[in-house]
Amino acid sequence: MHRLTKDTLDRRLKYFAGNDAARKQSEYQAELRRQKRLEERAKRQKKRAWLRFAVSTDVRNSAVQAFWAMHGEAMNWSRMGIREYAAALHLSPTSLRTWRDRLDEGPVEIDWRAHLHPSARPVVGTSASGTPPESSLTADRRMIQAPA
């Protein structure tokens, strides 16, 4: 308000009120700052805990959860450790561990398979007569000549 720095205020307080009053005022201000920091930290932790267990409709959040749920499941199926799996796919082992623990704590809100592109989804049918088409990447067995 009067644009006094803390040092200027301390010098003036020491001059007009004495050393004891200046020391007490300094300790009081330090305690107020410490209390404010503790309140802010508690507020951040409370908000973080609330956001962690909140159901979010944010598409980006659900995509991130689906991404890590997919990798957590793939890591379990591969029977690789966190370090090996993270190194193989260039992922952060810390993030992988954090998300694995988060997803193990409670039910997964989202199925990652629902976010796959339609071309990546497996073909599911009930017809027994439908056979998968032959791949054009391999040669026909009739075209391969037996050695003479």
C-alpha atoms as a PDB file:
ATOM      1  CA  MET A   1       0.000   0.000   0.000  1.00  0.00           C
ATOM      2  CA  HIS A   2       2.780   2.428   0.958  1.00  0.00           C
ATOM      3  CA  ARG A   3       5.357   0.467  -1.060  1.00  0.00           C
ATOM      4  CA  LEU A   4       7.589  -0.240   1.904  1.00  0.00           C
ATOM      5  CA  THR A   5       9.850  -3.218   1.661  1.00  0.00           C
ATOM      6  CA  LYS A   6      10.009  -5.731   4.488  1.00  0.00           C
ATOM      7  CA  ASP A   7      13.537  -4.596   5.402  1.00  0.00           C
ATOM      8  CA  THR A   8      12.500  -0.934   5.580  1.00  0.00           C
ATOM      9  CA  LEU A   9       9.527  -1.790   7.778  1.00  0.00           C
ATOM     10  CA  ASP A  10      11.717  -3.915  10.057  1.00  0.00           C
ATOM     11  CA  ARG A  11      14.278  -1.095  10.431  1.00  0.00           C
ATOM     12  CA  ARG A  12      11.585   1.455  11.261  1.00  0.00           C
ATOM     13  CA  LEU A  13       9.877  -0.899  13.710  1.00  0.00           C
ATOM     14  CA  LYS A  14      13.230  -1.541  15.405  1.00  0.00           C
ATOM     15  CA  TYR A  15      13.926   2.195  15.582  1.00  0.00           C
ATOM     16  CA  PHE A  16      10.510   3.232  16.941  1.00  0.00           C
ATOM     17  CA  ALA A  17       9.464   0.207  19.047  1.00  0.00           C
ATOM     18  CA  GLY A  18      12.764  -1.405  20.040  1.00  0.00           C
ATOM     19  CA  ASN A  19      14.466  -4.717  19.342  1.00  0.00           C
ATOM     20  CA  ASP A  20      12.050  -6.900  21.353  1.00  0.00           C
ATOM     21  CA  ALA A  21       8.967  -5.592  19.567  1.00  0.00           C
ATOM     22  CA  ALA A  22      10.673  -5.963  16.182  1.00  0.00           C
ATOM     23  CA  ARG A  23      11.689  -9.548  16.992  1.00  0.00           C
ATOM     24  CA  LYS A  24       8.165 -10.448  18.188  1.00  0.00           C
ATOM     25  CA  GLN A  25       6.629  -8.882  15.091  1.00  0.00           C
ATOM     26  CA  SER A  26       9.046 -10.780  12.864  1.00  0.00           C
ATOM     27  CA  GLU A  27       8.226 -14.089  14.602  1.00  0.00           C
ATOM     28  CA  TYR A  28       4.508 -13.359  14.367  1.00  0.00           C
ATOM     29  CA  GLN A  29       4.758 -12.655  10.621  1.00  0.00           C
ATOM     30  CA  ALA A  30       6.811 -15.829  10.070  1.00  0.00           C
ATOM     31  CA  GLU A  31       4.172 -17.870  11.937  1.00  0.00           C
ATOM     32  CA  LEU A  32       1.397 -16.318   9.813  1.00  0.00           C
ATOM     33  CA  ARG A  33       3.282 -17.215   6.614  1.00  0.00           C
ATOM     34  CA  ARG A  34       3.842 -20.778   7.866  1.00  0.00           C
ATOM     35  CA  GLN A  35       0.133 -21.189   8.723  1.00  0.00           C
ATOM     36  CA  LYS A  36      -0.864 -19.874   5.303  1.00  0.00           C
ATOM     37  CA  ARG A  37       1.500 -22.322   3.557  1.00  0.00           C
ATOM     38  CA  LEU A  38       0.072 -25.223   5.593  1.00  0.00           C
ATOM     39  CA  GLU A  39      -3.501 -24.203   4.753  1.00  0.00           C
ATOM     40  CA  GLU A  40      -2.667 -23.932   1.042  1.00  0.00           C
ATOM     41  CA  ARG A  41      -0.966 -27.341   1.091  1.00  0.00           C
ATOM     42  CA  ALA A  42      -3.962 -28.943   2.818  1.00  0.00           C
ATOM     43  CA  LYS A  43      -6.288 -27.282   0.310  1.00  0.00           C
ATOM     44  CA  ARG A  44      -4.229 -28.610  -2.650  1.00  0.00           C
ATOM     45  CA  GLN A  45      -4.145 -32.132  -1.188  1.00  0.00           C
ATOM     46  CA  LYS A  46      -7.887 -32.096  -0.577  1.00  0.00           C
ATOM     47  CA  LYS A  47      -8.530 -30.919  -4.137  1.00  0.00           C
ATOM     48  CA  ARG A  48      -6.115 -33.530  -5.530  1.00  0.00           C
ATOM     49  CA  ALA A  49      -7.874 -36.306  -3.592  1.00  0.00           C
ATOM     50  CA  TRP A  50     -11.259 -35.062  -4.773  1.00  0.00           C
ATOM     51  CA  LEU A  51     -10.138 -34.941  -8.412  1.00  0.00           C
ATOM     52  CA  ARG A  52      -8.548 -38.377  -8.176  1.00  0.00           C
ATOM     53  CA  PHE A  53     -11.790 -40.110  -7.227  1.00  0.00           C
ATOM     54  CA  ALA A  54     -14.168 -37.853  -9.127  1.00  0.00           C
ATOM     55  CA  VAL A  55     -16.005 -39.123 -12.173  1.00  0.00           C
ATOM     56  CA  SER A  56     -15.019 -36.857 -14.982  1.00  0.00           C
ATOM     57  CA  THR A  57     -16.740 -36.383 -18.303  1.00  0.00           C
ATOM     58  CA  ASP A  58     -13.656 -34.761 -19.770  1.00  0.00           C
ATOM     59  CA  VAL A  59     -12.803 -36.612 -22.985  1.00  0.00           C
ATOM     60  CA  ARG A  60      -9.070 -36.035 -22.577  1.00  0.00           C
ATOM     61  CA  ASN A  61      -9.148 -37.516 -19.074  1.00  0.00           C
ATOM     62  CA  SER A  62     -11.013 -40.614 -20.244  1.00  0.00           C
ATOM     63  CA  ALA A  63      -8.587 -41.043 -23.150  1.00  0.00           C
ATOM     64  CA  VAL A  64      -5.616 -40.874 -20.779  1.00  0.00           C
ATOM     65  CA  GLN A  65      -7.260 -43.385 -18.473  1.00  0.00           C
ATOM     66  CA  ALA A  66      -8.002 -45.678 -21.427  1.00  0.00           C
ATOM     67  CA  PHE A  67      -4.390 -45.399 -22.624  1.00  0.00           C
ATOM     68  CA  TRP A  68      -2.936 -46.407 -19.265  1.00  0.00           C
ATOM     69  CA  ALA A  69      -5.600 -49.078 -18.665  1.00  0.00           C
ATOM     70  CA  MET A  70      -4.659 -50.663 -22.003  1.00  0.00           C
ATOM     71  CA  HIS A  71      -0.957 -50.623 -21.126  1.00  0.00           C
ATOM     72  CA  GLY A  72      -1.606 -51.943 -17.623  1.00  0.00           C
ATOM     73  CA  GLU A  73      -3.562 -54.876 -19.030  1.00  0.00           C
ATOM     74  CA  ALA A  74      -0.997 -55.522 -21.762  1.00  0.00           C
ATOM     75  CA  MET A  75       1.810 -55.467 -19.198  1.00  0.00           C
ATOM     76  CA  ASN A  76      -0.027 -58.024 -17.055  1.00  0.00           C
ATOM     77  CA  TRP A  77      -0.629 -60.283 -20.055  1.00  0.00           C
ATOM     78  CA  SER A  78       2.979 -60.024 -21.199  1.00  0.00           C
ATOM     79  CA  ARG A  79       4.198 -60.963 -17.711  1.00  0.00           C
ATOM     80  CA  MET A  80       6.914 -58.350 -18.053  1.00  0.00           C
ATOM     81  CA  GLY A  81       7.980 -56.169 -15.182  1.00  0.00           C
ATOM     82  CA  ILE A  82       7.275 -52.462 -15.126  1.00  0.00           C
ATOM     83  CA  ARG A  83      10.800 -51.497 -16.131  1.00  0.00           C
ATOM     84  CA  GLU A  84      10.994 -53.963 -19.006  1.00  0.00           C
ATOM     85  CA  TYR A  85       7.557 -53.072 -20.375  1.00  0.00           C
ATOM     86  CA  ALA A  86       8.169 -49.337 -20.063  1.00  0.00           C
ATOM     87  CA  ALA A  87      11.564 -49.627 -21.750  1.00  0.00           C
ATOM     88  CA  ALA A  88      10.165 -51.740 -24.599  1.00  0.00           C
ATOM     89  CA  LEU A  89       7.447 -49.190 -25.384  1.00  0.00           C
ATOM     90  CA  HIS A  90       9.351 -46.033 -24.396  1.00  0.00           C
ATOM     91  CA  LEU A  91       6.949 -45.199 -21.563  1.00  0.00           C
ATOM     92  CA  SER A  92       7.669 -43.634 -18.212  1.00  0.00           C
ATOM     93  CA  PRO A  93       8.018 -46.389 -15.594  1.00  0.00           C
ATOM     94  CA  THR A  94       6.868 -43.977 -12.893  1.00  0.00           C
ATOM     95  CA  SER A  95       3.685 -43.107 -14.779  1.00  0.00           C
ATOM     96  CA  LEU A  96       3.058 -46.757 -15.593  1.00  0.00           C
ATOM     97  CA  ARG A  97       3.453 -47.721 -11.921  1.00  0.00           C
ATOM     98  CA  THR A  98       1.239 -44.837 -10.763  1.00  0.00           C
ATOM     99  CA  TRP A  99      -1.553 -45.677 -13.204  1.00  0.00           C
ATOM    100  CA  ARG A 100      -1.300 -49.402 -12.480  1.00  0.00           C
ATOM    101  CA  ASP A 101      -1.777 -48.682  -8.778  1.00  0.00           C
ATOM    102  CA  ARG A 102      -4.640 -46.271  -9.467  1.00  0.00           C
ATOM    103  CA  LEU A 103      -6.447 -48.752 -11.666  1.00  0.00           C
ATOM    104  CA  ASP A 104      -5.868 -51.596  -9.198  1.00  0.00           C
ATOM    105  CA  GLU A 105      -7.409 -49.571  -6.357  1.00  0.00           C
ATOM    106  CA  GLY A 106     -10.889 -49.446  -7.799  1.00  0.00           C
ATOM    107  CA  PRO A 107     -13.048 -50.396 -10.727  1.00  0.00           C
ATOM    108  CA  VAL A 108     -11.994 -49.055 -14.097  1.00  0.00           C
ATOM    109  CA  GLU A 109     -14.568 -46.501 -15.175  1.00  0.00           C
ATOM    110  CA  ILE A 110     -13.885 -46.930 -18.864  1.00  0.00           C
ATOM    111  CA  ASP A 111     -13.189 -49.813 -21.218  1.00  0.00           C
ATOM    112  CA  TRP A 112     -10.194 -49.000 -23.371  1.00  0.00           C
ATOM    113  CA  ARG A 113     -11.393 -51.330 -26.120  1.00  0.00           C
ATOM    114  CA  ALA A 114     -14.327 -49.009 -26.775  1.00  0.00           C
ATOM    115  CA  HIS A 115     -11.847 -46.342 -27.876  1.00  0.00           C
ATOM    116  CA  LEU A 116     -10.215 -48.475 -30.561  1.00  0.00           C
ATOM    117  CA  HIS A 117     -10.586 -47.448 -34.170  1.00  0.00           C
ATOM    118  CA  PRO A 118     -13.169 -49.675 -35.924  1.00  0.00           C
ATOM    119  CA  SER A 119     -10.465 -51.147 -38.178  1.00  0.00           C
ATOM    120  CA  ALA A 120      -8.524 -52.338 -35.113  1.00  0.00           C
ATOM    121  CA  ARG A 121     -11.499 -54.079 -33.506  1.00  0.00           C
ATOM    122  CA  PRO A 122     -11.744 -57.852 -33.934  1.00  0.00           C
ATOM    123  CA  VAL A 123     -14.419 -59.143 -36.263  1.00  0.00           C
ATOM    124  CA  VAL A 124     -17.054 -60.856 -34.171  1.00  0.00           C
ATOM    125  CA  GLY A 125     -19.724 -62.946 -35.803  1.00  0.00           C
ATOM    126  CA  THR A 126     -22.099 -65.764 -34.986  1.00  0.00           C
ATOM    127  CA  SER A 127     -21.955 -67.498 -38.341  1.00  0.00           C
ATOM    128  CA  ALA A 128     -20.036 -70.768 -38.356  1.00  0.00           C
ATOM    129  CA  SER A 129     -19.954 -70.896 -42.143  1.00  0.00           C
ATOM    130  CA  GLY A 130     -18.146 -67.597 -42.494  1.00  0.00           C
ATOM    131  CA  THR A 131     -14.455 -68.237 -42.957  1.00  0.00           C
ATOM    132  CA  PRO A 132     -11.940 -65.452 -42.853  1.00  0.00           C
ATOM    133  CA  PRO A 133     -10.705 -64.361 -46.281  1.00  0.00           C
ATOM    134  CA  GLU A 134      -7.325 -65.535 -47.445  1.00  0.00           C
ATOM    135  CA  SER A 135      -4.573 -63.031 -47.016  1.00  0.00           C
ATOM    136  CA  SER A 136      -3.143 -61.623 -50.215  1.00  0.00           C
ATOM    137  CA  LEU A 137       0.258 -61.394 -48.544  1.00  0.00           C
ATOM    138  CA  THR A 138       1.093 -65.088 -48.831  1.00  0.00           C
ATOM    139  CA  ALA A 139       1.418 -67.111 -52.008  1.00  0.00           C
ATOM    140  CA  ASP A 140      -1.212 -69.659 -52.918  1.00  0.00           C
ATOM    141  CA  ARG A 141      -0.106 -73.198 -52.054  1.00  0.00           C
ATOM    142  CA  ARG A 142      -1.020 -74.429 -55.526  1.00  0.00           C
ATOM    143  CA  MET A 143       1.372 -71.915 -57.063  1.00  0.00           C
ATOM    144  CA  ILE A 144       4.364 -73.175 -55.105  1.00  0.00           C
ATOM    145  CA  GLN A 145       6.233 -75.768 -57.162  1.00  0.00           C
ATOM    146  CA  ALA A 146       7.722 -78.741 -55.412  1.00  0.00           C
ATOM    147  CA  PRO A 147      11.455 -79.155 -56.070  1.00  0.00           C
ATOM    148  CA  ALA A 148      12.225 -81.686 -58.796  1.00  0.00           C
END
